[in-house]
Amino acid sequence: QPLYAAIAGGLITGTGFLVLFRHRCS
């Protein structure tokens, strides 16, 4: 379902970015 994909995908992706940013990476 697109709305679920948007929210879940956004949260998962944001968590991944947070991991990268904490290790001085993007």
PDB file of all heavy atoms in Angstrom:
ATOM      1  N   GLN A   1       0.857  -1.186   0.000  1.00  0.00           N
ATOM      2  CA  GLN A   1       0.000   0.000   0.000  1.00  0.00           C
ATOM      3  C   GLN A   1       0.897   1.241   0.000  1.00  0.00           C
ATOM      4  O   GLN A   1       1.831   1.339   0.807  1.00  0.00           O
ATOM      5  CB  GLN A   1      -0.915  -0.049   1.238  1.00  0.00           C
ATOM      6  CG  GLN A   1      -2.138   0.823   1.164  1.00  0.00           C
ATOM      7  CD  GLN A   1      -1.856   2.284   1.508  1.00  0.00           C
ATOM      8  OE1 GLN A   1      -0.910   2.617   2.197  1.00  0.00           O
ATOM      9  NE2 GLN A   1      -2.695   3.144   0.979  1.00  0.00           N
ATOM     10  N   PRO A   2       0.671   2.210  -0.897  1.00  0.00           N
ATOM     11  CA  PRO A   2       1.582   3.341  -1.063  1.00  0.00           C
ATOM     12  C   PRO A   2       1.795   4.211   0.188  1.00  0.00           C
ATOM     13  O   PRO A   2       2.926   4.620   0.452  1.00  0.00           O
ATOM     14  CB  PRO A   2       0.950   4.164  -2.190  1.00  0.00           C
ATOM     15  CG  PRO A   2       0.158   3.172  -2.972  1.00  0.00           C
ATOM     16  CD  PRO A   2      -0.355   2.186  -1.959  1.00  0.00           C
ATOM     17  N   LEU A   3       0.754   4.493   0.947  1.00  0.00           N
ATOM     18  CA  LEU A   3       0.958   5.320   2.139  1.00  0.00           C
ATOM     19  C   LEU A   3       1.813   4.592   3.165  1.00  0.00           C
ATOM     20  O   LEU A   3       2.711   5.175   3.767  1.00  0.00           O
ATOM     21  CB  LEU A   3      -0.378   5.751   2.752  1.00  0.00           C
ATOM     22  CG  LEU A   3      -0.275   6.680   3.966  1.00  0.00           C
ATOM     23  CD1 LEU A   3       0.497   7.948   3.616  1.00  0.00           C
ATOM     24  CD2 LEU A   3      -1.664   7.017   4.492  1.00  0.00           C
ATOM     25  N   TYR A   4       1.564   3.296   3.343  1.00  0.00           N
ATOM     26  CA  TYR A   4       2.394   2.495   4.244  1.00  0.00           C
ATOM     27  C   TYR A   4       3.836   2.477   3.733  1.00  0.00           C
ATOM     28  O   TYR A   4       4.786   2.637   4.513  1.00  0.00           O
ATOM     29  CB  TYR A   4       1.859   1.066   4.353  1.00  0.00           C
ATOM     30  CG  TYR A   4       2.731   0.181   5.213  1.00  0.00           C
ATOM     31  CD1 TYR A   4       2.599   0.192   6.593  1.00  0.00           C
ATOM     32  CD2 TYR A   4       3.699  -0.640   4.640  1.00  0.00           C
ATOM     33  CE1 TYR A   4       3.419  -0.608   7.387  1.00  0.00           C
ATOM     34  CE2 TYR A   4       4.519  -1.430   5.420  1.00  0.00           C
ATOM     35  CZ  TYR A   4       4.374  -1.411   6.792  1.00  0.00           C
ATOM     36  OH  TYR A   4       5.188  -2.188   7.570  1.00  0.00           O
ATOM     37  N   ALA A   5       4.018   2.276   2.430  1.00  0.00           N
ATOM     38  CA  ALA A   5       5.359   2.257   1.843  1.00  0.00           C
ATOM     39  C   ALA A   5       6.068   3.583   2.074  1.00  0.00           C
ATOM     40  O   ALA A   5       7.267   3.605   2.366  1.00  0.00           O
ATOM     41  CB  ALA A   5       5.276   1.955   0.348  1.00  0.00           C
ATOM     42  N   ALA A   6       5.329   4.689   1.952  1.00  0.00           N
ATOM     43  CA  ALA A   6       5.933   6.012   2.145  1.00  0.00           C
ATOM     44  C   ALA A   6       6.405   6.188   3.583  1.00  0.00           C
ATOM     45  O   ALA A   6       7.553   6.603   3.825  1.00  0.00           O
ATOM     46  CB  ALA A   6       4.925   7.107   1.788  1.00  0.00           C
ATOM     47  N   ILE A   7       5.547   5.862   4.539  1.00  0.00           N
ATOM     48  CA  ILE A   7       5.901   6.084   5.945  1.00  0.00           C
ATOM     49  C   ILE A   7       6.967   5.089   6.399  1.00  0.00           C
ATOM     50  O   ILE A   7       7.996   5.475   6.960  1.00  0.00           O
ATOM     51  CB  ILE A   7       4.643   6.034   6.832  1.00  0.00           C
ATOM     52  CG1 ILE A   7       3.745   7.231   6.491  1.00  0.00           C
ATOM     53  CG2 ILE A   7       5.027   6.050   8.309  1.00  0.00           C
ATOM     54  CD1 ILE A   7       2.370   7.186   7.110  1.00  0.00           C
ATOM     55  N   ALA A   8       6.729   3.791   6.165  1.00  0.00           N
ATOM     56  CA  ALA A   8       7.705   2.784   6.586  1.00  0.00           C
ATOM     57  C   ALA A   8       9.031   2.971   5.845  1.00  0.00           C
ATOM     58  O   ALA A   8      10.107   2.934   6.454  1.00  0.00           O
ATOM     59  CB  ALA A   8       7.155   1.376   6.350  1.00  0.00           C
ATOM     60  N   GLY A   9       8.948   3.183   4.530  1.00  0.00           N
ATOM     61  CA  GLY A   9      10.171   3.409   3.753  1.00  0.00           C
ATOM     62  C   GLY A   9      10.920   4.646   4.212  1.00  0.00           C
ATOM     63  O   GLY A   9      12.144   4.649   4.301  1.00  0.00           O
ATOM     64  N   GLY A  10      10.170   5.714   4.529  1.00  0.00           N
ATOM     65  CA  GLY A  10      10.802   6.937   5.019  1.00  0.00           C
ATOM     66  C   GLY A  10      11.488   6.738   6.357  1.00  0.00           C
ATOM     67  O   GLY A  10      12.613   7.207   6.571  1.00  0.00           O
ATOM     68  N   LEU A  11      10.829   6.034   7.269  1.00  0.00           N
ATOM     69  CA  LEU A  11      11.426   5.795   8.593  1.00  0.00           C
ATOM     70  C   LEU A  11      12.649   4.887   8.502  1.00  0.00           C
ATOM     71  O   LEU A  11      13.675   5.143   9.147  1.00  0.00           O
ATOM     72  CB  LEU A  11      10.383   5.204   9.540  1.00  0.00           C
ATOM     73  CG  LEU A  11       9.234   6.139   9.925  1.00  0.00           C
ATOM     74  CD1 LEU A  11       8.184   5.389  10.735  1.00  0.00           C
ATOM     75  CD2 LEU A  11       9.736   7.354  10.691  1.00  0.00           C
ATOM     76  N   ILE A  12      12.548   3.838   7.688  1.00  0.00           N
ATOM     77  CA  ILE A  12      13.687   2.931   7.516  1.00  0.00           C
ATOM     78  C   ILE A  12      14.860   3.674   6.883  1.00  0.00           C
ATOM     79  O   ILE A  12      16.008   3.563   7.328  1.00  0.00           O
ATOM     80  CB  ILE A  12      13.285   1.702   6.664  1.00  0.00           C
ATOM     81  CG1 ILE A  12      12.291   0.834   7.439  1.00  0.00           C
ATOM     82  CG2 ILE A  12      14.503   0.888   6.250  1.00  0.00           C
ATOM     83  CD1 ILE A  12      11.603  -0.214   6.580  1.00  0.00           C
ATOM     84  N   THR A  13      14.580   4.445   5.842  1.00  0.00           N
ATOM     85  CA  THR A  13      15.626   5.205   5.154  1.00  0.00           C
ATOM     86  C   THR A  13      16.238   6.249   6.085  1.00  0.00           C
ATOM     87  O   THR A  13      17.458   6.419   6.125  1.00  0.00           O
ATOM     88  CB  THR A  13      15.050   5.857   3.883  1.00  0.00           C
ATOM     89  OG1 THR A  13      14.516   4.828   3.048  1.00  0.00           O
ATOM     90  CG2 THR A  13      16.104   6.625   3.116  1.00  0.00           C
ATOM     91  N   GLY A  14      15.391   6.947   6.838  1.00  0.00           N
ATOM     92  CA  GLY A  14      15.893   7.947   7.787  1.00  0.00           C
ATOM     93  C   GLY A  14      16.807   7.334   8.825  1.00  0.00           C
ATOM     94  O   GLY A  14      17.843   7.923   9.195  1.00  0.00           O
ATOM     95  N   THR A  15      16.465   6.143   9.296  1.00  0.00           N
ATOM     96  CA  THR A  15      17.321   5.448  10.262  1.00  0.00           C
ATOM     97  C   THR A  15      18.667   5.109   9.627  1.00  0.00           C
ATOM     98  O   THR A  15      19.723   5.269  10.254  1.00  0.00           O
ATOM     99  CB  THR A  15      16.619   4.179  10.790  1.00  0.00           C
ATOM    100  OG1 THR A  15      15.362   4.560  11.376  1.00  0.00           O
ATOM    101  CG2 THR A  15      17.474   3.469  11.822  1.00  0.00           C
ATOM    102  N   GLY A  16      18.633   4.663   8.384  1.00  0.00           N
ATOM    103  CA  GLY A  16      19.880   4.382   7.675  1.00  0.00           C
ATOM    104  C   GLY A  16      20.746   5.621   7.526  1.00  0.00           C
ATOM    105  O   GLY A  16      21.960   5.583   7.739  1.00  0.00           O
ATOM    106  N   PHE A  17      20.118   6.760   7.176  1.00  0.00           N
ATOM    107  CA  PHE A  17      20.870   8.012   7.068  1.00  0.00           C
ATOM    108  C   PHE A  17      21.464   8.414   8.413  1.00  0.00           C
ATOM    109  O   PHE A  17      22.594   8.895   8.480  1.00  0.00           O
ATOM    110  CB  PHE A  17      19.985   9.146   6.548  1.00  0.00           C
ATOM    111  CG  PHE A  17      19.939   9.223   5.053  1.00  0.00           C
ATOM    112  CD1 PHE A  17      18.753   8.974   4.375  1.00  0.00           C
ATOM    113  CD2 PHE A  17      21.061   9.532   4.315  1.00  0.00           C
ATOM    114  CE1 PHE A  17      18.696   9.046   3.000  1.00  0.00           C
ATOM    115  CE2 PHE A  17      21.026   9.606   2.936  1.00  0.00           C
ATOM    116  CZ  PHE A  17      19.833   9.356   2.272  1.00  0.00           C
ATOM    117  N   LEU A  18      20.709   8.232   9.480  1.00  0.00           N
ATOM    118  CA  LEU A  18      21.206   8.572  10.809  1.00  0.00           C
ATOM    119  C   LEU A  18      22.460   7.768  11.139  1.00  0.00           C
ATOM    120  O   LEU A  18      23.444   8.317  11.645  1.00  0.00           O
ATOM    121  CB  LEU A  18      20.117   8.335  11.860  1.00  0.00           C
ATOM    122  CG  LEU A  18      20.440   8.750  13.283  1.00  0.00           C
ATOM    123  CD1 LEU A  18      20.736  10.244  13.374  1.00  0.00           C
ATOM    124  CD2 LEU A  18      19.281   8.397  14.205  1.00  0.00           C
ATOM    125  N   VAL A  19      22.449   6.480  10.822  1.00  0.00           N
ATOM    126  CA  VAL A  19      23.621   5.640  11.045  1.00  0.00           C
ATOM    127  C   VAL A  19      24.808   6.197  10.251  1.00  0.00           C
ATOM    128  O   VAL A  19      25.916   6.334  10.786  1.00  0.00           O
ATOM    129  CB  VAL A  19      23.330   4.171  10.660  1.00  0.00           C
ATOM    130  CG1 VAL A  19      24.608   3.331  10.681  1.00  0.00           C
ATOM    131  CG2 VAL A  19      22.284   3.563  11.592  1.00  0.00           C
ATOM    132  N   LEU A  20      24.575   6.523   8.989  1.00  0.00           N
ATOM    133  CA  LEU A  20      25.669   7.058   8.164  1.00  0.00           C
ATOM    134  C   LEU A  20      26.179   8.385   8.710  1.00  0.00           C
ATOM    135  O   LEU A  20      27.398   8.590   8.830  1.00  0.00           O
ATOM    136  CB  LEU A  20      25.211   7.233   6.717  1.00  0.00           C
ATOM    137  CG  LEU A  20      24.881   5.967   5.933  1.00  0.00           C
ATOM    138  CD1 LEU A  20      24.454   6.321   4.516  1.00  0.00           C
ATOM    139  CD2 LEU A  20      26.042   4.993   5.912  1.00  0.00           C
ATOM    140  N   PHE A  21      25.276   9.302   9.033  1.00  0.00           N
ATOM    141  CA  PHE A  21      25.681  10.624   9.512  1.00  0.00           C
ATOM    142  C   PHE A  21      26.484  10.522  10.805  1.00  0.00           C
ATOM    143  O   PHE A  21      27.435  11.270  11.014  1.00  0.00           O
ATOM    144  CB  PHE A  21      24.474  11.534   9.723  1.00  0.00           C
ATOM    145  CG  PHE A  21      23.817  12.017   8.447  1.00  0.00           C
ATOM    146  CD1 PHE A  21      22.589  12.643   8.510  1.00  0.00           C
ATOM    147  CD2 PHE A  21      24.396  11.854   7.216  1.00  0.00           C
ATOM    148  CE1 PHE A  21      21.963  13.109   7.357  1.00  0.00           C
ATOM    149  CE2 PHE A  21      23.785  12.300   6.050  1.00  0.00           C
ATOM    150  CZ  PHE A  21      22.560  12.934   6.127  1.00  0.00           C
ATOM    151  N   ARG A  22      26.116   9.605  11.688  1.00  0.00           N
ATOM    152  CA  ARG A  22      26.834   9.440  12.958  1.00  0.00           C
ATOM    153  C   ARG A  22      28.264   8.944  12.740  1.00  0.00           C
ATOM    154  O   ARG A  22      29.094   9.054  13.632  1.00  0.00           O
ATOM    155  CB  ARG A  22      26.093   8.469  13.878  1.00  0.00           C
ATOM    156  CG  ARG A  22      24.730   8.935  14.317  1.00  0.00           C
ATOM    157  CD  ARG A  22      24.822   9.845  15.512  1.00  0.00           C
ATOM    158  NE  ARG A  22      23.563  10.505  15.764  1.00  0.00           N
ATOM    159  CZ  ARG A  22      22.875  10.401  16.871  1.00  0.00           C
ATOM    160  NH1 ARG A  22      23.337   9.662  17.849  1.00  0.00           N
ATOM    161  NH2 ARG A  22      21.747  11.043  17.011  1.00  0.00           N
ATOM    162  N   HIS A  23      28.510   8.392  11.573  1.00  0.00           N
ATOM    163  CA  HIS A  23      29.855   7.907  11.253  1.00  0.00           C
ATOM    164  C   HIS A  23      30.516   8.784  10.186  1.00  0.00           C
ATOM    165  O   HIS A  23      31.412   8.328   9.483  1.00  0.00           O
ATOM    166  CB  HIS A  23      29.800   6.429  10.828  1.00  0.00           C
ATOM    167  CG  HIS A  23      29.593   5.523  11.983  1.00  0.00           C
ATOM    168  ND1 HIS A  23      30.623   4.869  12.601  1.00  0.00           N
ATOM    169  CD2 HIS A  23      28.472   5.211  12.689  1.00  0.00           C
ATOM    170  CE1 HIS A  23      30.154   4.167  13.615  1.00  0.00           C
ATOM    171  NE2 HIS A  23      28.838   4.363  13.688  1.00  0.00           N
ATOM    172  N   ARG A  24      30.068  10.032  10.116  1.00  0.00           N
ATOM    173  CA  ARG A  24      30.630  11.019   9.177  1.00  0.00           C
ATOM    174  C   ARG A  24      30.661  10.463   7.756  1.00  0.00           C
ATOM    175  O   ARG A  24      31.694  10.395   7.091  1.00  0.00           O
ATOM    176  CB  ARG A  24      32.024  11.468   9.605  1.00  0.00           C
ATOM    177  CG  ARG A  24      32.091  12.169  10.920  1.00  0.00           C
ATOM    178  CD  ARG A  24      31.526  13.572  10.937  1.00  0.00           C
ATOM    179  NE  ARG A  24      32.239  14.443  10.012  1.00  0.00           N
ATOM    180  CZ  ARG A  24      31.704  15.514   9.457  1.00  0.00           C
ATOM    181  NH1 ARG A  24      30.480  15.862   9.753  1.00  0.00           N
ATOM    182  NH2 ARG A  24      32.386  16.256   8.627  1.00  0.00           N
ATOM    183  N   CYS A  25      29.462  10.102   7.271  1.00  0.00           N
ATOM    184  CA  CYS A  25      29.286   9.536   5.942  1.00  0.00           C
ATOM    185  C   CYS A  25      27.918   9.977   5.445  1.00  0.00           C
ATOM    186  O   CYS A  25      27.039  10.312   6.247  1.00  0.00           O
ATOM    187  CB  CYS A  25      29.357   8.012   6.042  1.00  0.00           C
ATOM    188  SG  CYS A  25      29.132   7.138   4.479  1.00  0.00           S
ATOM    189  N   SER A  26      27.740  10.005   4.147  1.00  0.00           N
ATOM    190  CA  SER A  26      26.426  10.300   3.587  1.00  0.00           C
ATOM    191  C   SER A  26      26.252   9.483   2.320  1.00  0.00           C
ATOM    192  O   SER A  26      27.096   8.664   1.987  1.00  0.00           O
ATOM    193  CB  SER A  26      26.277  11.799   3.292  1.00  0.00           C
ATOM    194  OG  SER A  26      26.875  12.139   2.064  1.00  0.00           O
TER     195      SER A  26
END
